[in-house]
Amino acid sequence: MSQETVVKSYYPNRGYGFLINPEGDGDILFRKCGRRNPSSDSTLNGDTPNKGQKVEILTLTQNKKGLRATQWRLL
């Protein structure tokens, strides 16, 4: 699954970005690998996307809080 989209809003003090999914599925959470989340692939993800950046979502996972992008590339 691969999809390009633009990050609509961003919360830099918390270290993650939200985007509004173009298909209307709600917010997708992007989170960098860190001490709290060592399982995410930080080598692929690099940086957390900022507002207005284009990203290509490579892998989406569903959790209790909603959709989460676990792999992405900044375009």
PDB file of N, CA and C in Angstrom:
ATOM      1  N   MET A   1       0.850  -1.183   0.000  1.00  0.00           N
ATOM      2  CA  MET A   1       0.000   0.000   0.000  1.00  0.00           C
ATOM      3  C   MET A   1       0.885   1.232   0.000  1.00  0.00           C
ATOM      4  N   SER A   2       0.703   2.083  -0.971  1.00  0.00           N
ATOM      5  CA  SER A   2       1.496   3.300  -1.057  1.00  0.00           C
ATOM      6  C   SER A   2       0.571   4.430  -1.464  1.00  0.00           C
ATOM      7  N   GLN A   3       0.710   5.551  -0.780  1.00  0.00           N
ATOM      8  CA  GLN A   3      -0.173   6.668  -1.092  1.00  0.00           C
ATOM      9  C   GLN A   3       0.549   7.962  -0.765  1.00  0.00           C
ATOM     10  N   GLU A   4       0.388   8.962  -1.633  1.00  0.00           N
ATOM     11  CA  GLU A   4       0.995  10.267  -1.390  1.00  0.00           C
ATOM     12  C   GLU A   4      -0.049  11.194  -0.815  1.00  0.00           C
ATOM     13  N   THR A   5       0.375  12.040   0.112  1.00  0.00           N
ATOM     14  CA  THR A   5      -0.548  12.995   0.700  1.00  0.00           C
ATOM     15  C   THR A   5       0.251  14.120   1.324  1.00  0.00           C
ATOM     16  N   VAL A   6      -0.432  15.137   1.793  1.00  0.00           N
ATOM     17  CA  VAL A   6       0.213  16.309   2.383  1.00  0.00           C
ATOM     18  C   VAL A   6      -0.199  16.408   3.843  1.00  0.00           C
ATOM     19  N   VAL A   7       0.771  16.676   4.694  1.00  0.00           N
ATOM     20  CA  VAL A   7       0.495  16.831   6.123  1.00  0.00           C
ATOM     21  C   VAL A   7      -0.254  18.146   6.339  1.00  0.00           C
ATOM     22  N   LYS A   8      -1.402  18.068   7.009  1.00  0.00           N
ATOM     23  CA  LYS A   8      -2.254  19.244   7.178  1.00  0.00           C
ATOM     24  C   LYS A   8      -1.992  19.990   8.491  1.00  0.00           C
ATOM     25  N   SER A   9      -1.689  19.275   9.544  1.00  0.00           N
ATOM     26  CA  SER A   9      -1.423  19.945  10.814  1.00  0.00           C
ATOM     27  C   SER A   9      -0.318  19.198  11.529  1.00  0.00           C
ATOM     28  N   TYR A  10       0.355  19.900  12.439  1.00  0.00           N
ATOM     29  CA  TYR A  10       1.537  19.324  13.052  1.00  0.00           C
ATOM     30  C   TYR A  10       1.679  19.857  14.471  1.00  0.00           C
ATOM     31  N   TYR A  11       2.084  18.995  15.372  1.00  0.00           N
ATOM     32  CA  TYR A  11       2.250  19.364  16.773  1.00  0.00           C
ATOM     33  C   TYR A  11       3.711  19.153  17.165  1.00  0.00           C
ATOM     34  N   PRO A  12       4.578  20.132  16.913  1.00  0.00           N
ATOM     35  CA  PRO A  12       6.014  19.897  17.084  1.00  0.00           C
ATOM     36  C   PRO A  12       6.438  19.624  18.520  1.00  0.00           C
ATOM     37  N   ASN A  13       5.714  20.174  19.500  1.00  0.00           N
ATOM     38  CA  ASN A  13       6.128  19.956  20.884  1.00  0.00           C
ATOM     39  C   ASN A  13       5.919  18.516  21.314  1.00  0.00           C
ATOM     40  N   ARG A  14       5.071  17.777  20.616  1.00  0.00           N
ATOM     41  CA  ARG A  14       4.843  16.377  20.965  1.00  0.00           C
ATOM     42  C   ARG A  14       5.614  15.439  20.055  1.00  0.00           C
ATOM     43  N   GLY A  15       6.197  15.976  18.997  1.00  0.00           N
ATOM     44  CA  GLY A  15       7.029  15.148  18.144  1.00  0.00           C
ATOM     45  C   GLY A  15       6.270  14.262  17.181  1.00  0.00           C
ATOM     46  N   TYR A  16       5.029  14.624  16.840  1.00  0.00           N
ATOM     47  CA  TYR A  16       4.346  13.855  15.808  1.00  0.00           C
ATOM     48  C   TYR A  16       3.483  14.752  14.949  1.00  0.00           C
ATOM     49  N   GLY A  17       3.159  14.266  13.781  1.00  0.00           N
ATOM     50  CA  GLY A  17       2.343  15.031  12.847  1.00  0.00           C
ATOM     51  C   GLY A  17       1.059  14.289  12.532  1.00  0.00           C
ATOM     52  N   PHE A  18       0.006  15.053  12.321  1.00  0.00           N
ATOM     53  CA  PHE A  18      -1.256  14.476  11.886  1.00  0.00           C
ATOM     54  C   PHE A  18      -1.537  14.941  10.470  1.00  0.00           C
ATOM     55  N   LEU A  19      -2.123  14.086   9.667  1.00  0.00           N
ATOM     56  CA  LEU A  19      -2.616  14.545   8.385  1.00  0.00           C
ATOM     57  C   LEU A  19      -4.042  14.077   8.212  1.00  0.00           C
ATOM     58  N   ILE A  20      -4.771  14.815   7.411  1.00  0.00           N
ATOM     59  CA  ILE A  20      -6.135  14.421   7.099  1.00  0.00           C
ATOM     60  C   ILE A  20      -6.075  13.547   5.853  1.00  0.00           C
ATOM     61  N   ASN A  21      -6.498  12.337   6.006  1.00  0.00           N
ATOM     62  CA  ASN A  21      -6.453  11.376   4.911  1.00  0.00           C
ATOM     63  C   ASN A  21      -7.400  11.837   3.802  1.00  0.00           C
ATOM     64  N   PRO A  22      -6.930  11.884   2.550  1.00  0.00           N
ATOM     65  CA  PRO A  22      -7.787  12.354   1.459  1.00  0.00           C
ATOM     66  C   PRO A  22      -9.032  11.499   1.245  1.00  0.00           C
ATOM     67  N   GLU A  23      -8.984  10.236   1.643  1.00  0.00           N
ATOM     68  CA  GLU A  23     -10.156   9.380   1.475  1.00  0.00           C
ATOM     69  C   GLU A  23     -11.193   9.596   2.578  1.00  0.00           C
ATOM     70  N   GLY A  24     -10.899  10.471   3.515  1.00  0.00           N
ATOM     71  CA  GLY A  24     -11.861  10.754   4.566  1.00  0.00           C
ATOM     72  C   GLY A  24     -11.833   9.763   5.711  1.00  0.00           C
ATOM     73  N   ASP A  25     -10.722   9.048   5.878  1.00  0.00           N
ATOM     74  CA  ASP A  25     -10.626   8.066   6.957  1.00  0.00           C
ATOM     75  C   ASP A  25     -10.158   8.683   8.266  1.00  0.00           C
ATOM     76  N   GLY A  26     -10.005   9.997   8.311  1.00  0.00           N
ATOM     77  CA  GLY A  26      -9.614  10.644   9.551  1.00  0.00           C
ATOM     78  C   GLY A  26      -8.125  10.953   9.590  1.00  0.00           C
ATOM     79  N   ASP A  27      -7.594  11.057  10.792  1.00  0.00           N
ATOM     80  CA  ASP A  27      -6.203  11.463  10.979  1.00  0.00           C
ATOM     81  C   ASP A  27      -5.281  10.256  10.929  1.00  0.00           C
ATOM     82  N   ILE A  28      -4.094  10.473  10.376  1.00  0.00           N
ATOM     83  CA  ILE A  28      -3.045   9.455  10.408  1.00  0.00           C
ATOM     84  C   ILE A  28      -1.903  10.018  11.248  1.00  0.00           C
ATOM     85  N   LEU A  29      -1.436   9.231  12.172  1.00  0.00           N
ATOM     86  CA  LEU A  29      -0.367   9.657  13.069  1.00  0.00           C
ATOM     87  C   LEU A  29       0.982   9.214  12.529  1.00  0.00           C
ATOM     88  N   PHE A  30       1.921  10.153  12.487  1.00  0.00           N
ATOM     89  CA  PHE A  30       3.302   9.850  12.115  1.00  0.00           C
ATOM     90  C   PHE A  30       4.150  10.017  13.363  1.00  0.00           C
ATOM     91  N   ARG A  31       4.963   9.034  13.670  1.00  0.00           N
ATOM     92  CA  ARG A  31       5.810   9.168  14.847  1.00  0.00           C
ATOM     93  C   ARG A  31       7.191   8.624  14.564  1.00  0.00           C
ATOM     94  N   LYS A  32       8.182   9.395  14.949  1.00  0.00           N
ATOM     95  CA  LYS A  32       9.559   8.941  14.784  1.00  0.00           C
ATOM     96  C   LYS A  32       9.875   7.835  15.776  1.00  0.00           C
ATOM     97  N   CYS A  33      10.856   7.049  15.444  1.00  0.00           N
ATOM     98  CA  CYS A  33      11.374   6.050  16.361  1.00  0.00           C
ATOM     99  C   CYS A  33      12.014   6.762  17.555  1.00  0.00           C
ATOM    100  N   GLY A  34      11.789   6.243  18.731  1.00  0.00           N
ATOM    101  CA  GLY A  34      12.381   6.844  19.918  1.00  0.00           C
ATOM    102  C   GLY A  34      12.392   5.847  21.051  1.00  0.00           C
ATOM    103  N   ARG A  35      12.723   6.334  22.239  1.00  0.00           N
ATOM    104  CA  ARG A  35      12.779   5.430  23.389  1.00  0.00           C
ATOM    105  C   ARG A  35      11.419   4.821  23.691  1.00  0.00           C
ATOM    106  N   ARG A  36      10.352   5.570  23.436  1.00  0.00           N
ATOM    107  CA  ARG A  36       9.026   5.054  23.734  1.00  0.00           C
ATOM    108  C   ARG A  36       8.515   4.124  22.638  1.00  0.00           C
ATOM    109  N   ASN A  37       9.122   4.219  21.451  1.00  0.00           N
ATOM    110  CA  ASN A  37       8.615   3.436  20.321  1.00  0.00           C
ATOM    111  C   ASN A  37       9.795   2.847  19.540  1.00  0.00           C
ATOM    112  N   PRO A  38      10.539   1.928  20.151  1.00  0.00           N
ATOM    113  CA  PRO A  38      11.751   1.428  19.504  1.00  0.00           C
ATOM    114  C   PRO A  38      11.480   0.513  18.315  1.00  0.00           C
ATOM    115  N   SER A  39      10.226   0.093  18.137  1.00  0.00           N
ATOM    116  CA  SER A  39       9.946  -0.879  17.084  1.00  0.00           C
ATOM    117  C   SER A  39       9.758  -0.239  15.714  1.00  0.00           C
ATOM    118  N   SER A  40       9.549   1.089  15.662  1.00  0.00           N
ATOM    119  CA  SER A  40       9.297   1.698  14.357  1.00  0.00           C
ATOM    120  C   SER A  40      10.606   1.799  13.564  1.00  0.00           C
ATOM    121  N   ASP A  41      10.474   1.848  12.275  1.00  0.00           N
ATOM    122  CA  ASP A  41      11.627   1.798  11.377  1.00  0.00           C
ATOM    123  C   ASP A  41      12.151   3.210  11.130  1.00  0.00           C
ATOM    124  N   SER A  42      13.055   3.676  11.981  1.00  0.00           N
ATOM    125  CA  SER A  42      13.518   5.052  11.869  1.00  0.00           C
ATOM    126  C   SER A  42      14.462   5.240  10.689  1.00  0.00           C
ATOM    127  N   THR A  43      15.085   4.167  10.220  1.00  0.00           N
ATOM    128  CA  THR A  43      15.998   4.323   9.086  1.00  0.00           C
ATOM    129  C   THR A  43      15.228   4.690   7.830  1.00  0.00           C
ATOM    130  N   LEU A  44      14.028   4.149   7.672  1.00  0.00           N
ATOM    131  CA  LEU A  44      13.199   4.497   6.520  1.00  0.00           C
ATOM    132  C   LEU A  44      12.524   5.846   6.745  1.00  0.00           C
ATOM    133  N   ASN A  45      12.005   6.044   7.939  1.00  0.00           N
ATOM    134  CA  ASN A  45      11.181   7.223   8.191  1.00  0.00           C
ATOM    135  C   ASN A  45      11.989   8.511   8.253  1.00  0.00           C
ATOM    136  N   GLY A  46      13.180   8.446   8.792  1.00  0.00           N
ATOM    137  CA  GLY A  46      13.949   9.679   8.918  1.00  0.00           C
ATOM    138  C   GLY A  46      13.264  10.633   9.863  1.00  0.00           C
ATOM    139  N   ASP A  47      12.761  11.735   9.341  1.00  0.00           N
ATOM    140  CA  ASP A  47      12.163  12.762  10.185  1.00  0.00           C
ATOM    141  C   ASP A  47      10.651  12.670  10.190  1.00  0.00           C
ATOM    142  N   THR A  48      10.077  13.150  11.290  1.00  0.00           N
ATOM    143  CA  THR A  48       8.639  13.309  11.345  1.00  0.00           C
ATOM    144  C   THR A  48       8.240  14.402  10.362  1.00  0.00           C
ATOM    145  N   PRO A  49       7.209  14.190   9.552  1.00  0.00           N
ATOM    146  CA  PRO A  49       6.835  15.208   8.576  1.00  0.00           C
ATOM    147  C   PRO A  49       6.285  16.467   9.236  1.00  0.00           C
ATOM    148  N   ASN A  50       6.563  17.601   8.634  1.00  0.00           N
ATOM    149  CA  ASN A  50       6.053  18.883   9.105  1.00  0.00           C
ATOM    150  C   ASN A  50       4.821  19.277   8.303  1.00  0.00           C
ATOM    151  N   LYS A  51       4.129  20.274   8.809  1.00  0.00           N
ATOM    152  CA  LYS A  51       2.937  20.773   8.123  1.00  0.00           C
ATOM    153  C   LYS A  51       3.283  21.202   6.705  1.00  0.00           C
ATOM    154  N   GLY A  52       2.475  20.785   5.760  1.00  0.00           N
ATOM    155  CA  GLY A  52       2.669  21.181   4.377  1.00  0.00           C
ATOM    156  C   GLY A  52       3.609  20.296   3.588  1.00  0.00           C
ATOM    157  N   GLN A  53       4.300  19.366   4.260  1.00  0.00           N
ATOM    158  CA  GLN A  53       5.216  18.482   3.537  1.00  0.00           C
ATOM    159  C   GLN A  53       4.463  17.374   2.839  1.00  0.00           C
ATOM    160  N   LYS A  54       4.962  16.982   1.681  1.00  0.00           N
ATOM    161  CA  LYS A  54       4.392  15.828   0.987  1.00  0.00           C
ATOM    162  C   LYS A  54       5.073  14.568   1.499  1.00  0.00           C
ATOM    163  N   VAL A  55       4.284  13.570   1.739  1.00  0.00           N
ATOM    164  CA  VAL A  55       4.819  12.296   2.205  1.00  0.00           C
ATOM    165  C   VAL A  55       4.203  11.173   1.394  1.00  0.00           C
ATOM    166  N   GLU A  56       4.942  10.101   1.257  1.00  0.00           N
ATOM    167  CA  GLU A  56       4.419   8.875   0.669  1.00  0.00           C
ATOM    168  C   GLU A  56       4.284   7.867   1.797  1.00  0.00           C
ATOM    169  N   ILE A  57       3.053   7.431   2.039  1.00  0.00           N
ATOM    170  CA  ILE A  57       2.800   6.462   3.099  1.00  0.00           C
ATOM    171  C   ILE A  57       3.051   5.071   2.532  1.00  0.00           C
ATOM    172  N   LEU A  58       3.913   4.325   3.184  1.00  0.00           N
ATOM    173  CA  LEU A  58       4.237   2.982   2.722  1.00  0.00           C
ATOM    174  C   LEU A  58       3.480   1.916   3.504  1.00  0.00           C
ATOM    175  N   THR A  59       3.344   2.106   4.805  1.00  0.00           N
ATOM    176  CA  THR A  59       2.643   1.119   5.630  1.00  0.00           C
ATOM    177  C   THR A  59       1.751   1.837   6.632  1.00  0.00           C
ATOM    178  N   LEU A  60       0.494   1.433   6.685  1.00  0.00           N
ATOM    179  CA  LEU A  60      -0.443   1.952   7.673  1.00  0.00           C
ATOM    180  C   LEU A  60      -0.832   0.824   8.622  1.00  0.00           C
ATOM    181  N   THR A  61      -0.935   1.135   9.894  1.00  0.00           N
ATOM    182  CA  THR A  61      -1.448   0.161  10.853  1.00  0.00           C
ATOM    183  C   THR A  61      -2.604   0.800  11.610  1.00  0.00           C
ATOM    184  N   GLN A  62      -3.528  -0.022  12.038  1.00  0.00           N
ATOM    185  CA  GLN A  62      -4.692   0.444  12.791  1.00  0.00           C
ATOM    186  C   GLN A  62      -4.480   0.083  14.249  1.00  0.00           C
ATOM    187  N   ASN A  63      -4.662   1.049  15.136  1.00  0.00           N
ATOM    188  CA  ASN A  63      -4.641   0.735  16.559  1.00  0.00           C
ATOM    189  C   ASN A  63      -5.873   1.346  17.223  1.00  0.00           C
ATOM    190  N   LYS A  64      -5.932   1.279  18.546  1.00  0.00           N
ATOM    191  CA  LYS A  64      -7.129   1.744  19.246  1.00  0.00           C
ATOM    192  C   LYS A  64      -7.403   3.225  19.001  1.00  0.00           C
ATOM    193  N   LYS A  65      -6.341   3.992  18.827  1.00  0.00           N
ATOM    194  CA  LYS A  65      -6.503   5.435  18.666  1.00  0.00           C
ATOM    195  C   LYS A  65      -6.717   5.841  17.216  1.00  0.00           C
ATOM    196  N   GLY A  66      -6.565   4.920  16.277  1.00  0.00           N
ATOM    197  CA  GLY A  66      -6.795   5.276  14.888  1.00  0.00           C
ATOM    198  C   GLY A  66      -5.684   4.772  13.985  1.00  0.00           C
ATOM    199  N   LEU A  67      -5.570   5.386  12.830  1.00  0.00           N
ATOM    200  CA  LEU A  67      -4.567   4.979  11.857  1.00  0.00           C
ATOM    201  C   LEU A  67      -3.204   5.545  12.221  1.00  0.00           C
ATOM    202  N   ARG A  68      -2.184   4.749  11.975  1.00  0.00           N
ATOM    203  CA  ARG A  68      -0.827   5.189  12.261  1.00  0.00           C
ATOM    204  C   ARG A  68       0.063   4.807  11.090  1.00  0.00           C
ATOM    205  N   ALA A  69       0.818   5.769  10.601  1.00  0.00           N
ATOM    206  CA  ALA A  69       1.774   5.493   9.535  1.00  0.00           C
ATOM    207  C   ALA A  69       3.045   4.966  10.185  1.00  0.00           C
ATOM    208  N   THR A  70       3.352   3.694   9.955  1.00  0.00           N
ATOM    209  CA  THR A  70       4.542   3.117  10.560  1.00  0.00           C
ATOM    210  C   THR A  70       5.744   3.175   9.627  1.00  0.00           C
ATOM    211  N   GLN A  71       5.498   3.366   8.337  1.00  0.00           N
ATOM    212  CA  GLN A  71       6.598   3.555   7.389  1.00  0.00           C
ATOM    213  C   GLN A  71       6.194   4.621   6.387  1.00  0.00           C
ATOM    214  N   TRP A  72       7.085   5.583   6.155  1.00  0.00           N
ATOM    215  CA  TRP A  72       6.796   6.623   5.187  1.00  0.00           C
ATOM    216  C   TRP A  72       8.100   7.197   4.646  1.00  0.00           C
ATOM    217  N   ARG A  73       7.983   7.932   3.569  1.00  0.00           N
ATOM    218  CA  ARG A  73       9.114   8.656   2.992  1.00  0.00           C
ATOM    219  C   ARG A  73       8.685  10.094   2.775  1.00  0.00           C
ATOM    220  N   LEU A  74       9.556  11.034   3.117  1.00  0.00           N
ATOM    221  CA  LEU A  74       9.292  12.434   2.783  1.00  0.00           C
ATOM    222  C   LEU A  74       9.596  12.636   1.309  1.00  0.00           C
ATOM    223  N   LEU A  75       8.742  13.356   0.597  1.00  0.00           N
ATOM    224  CA  LEU A  75       8.932  13.590  -0.840  1.00  0.00           C
ATOM    225  C   LEU A  75       9.542  14.968  -1.087  1.00  0.00           C
TER     226      LEU A  75
END
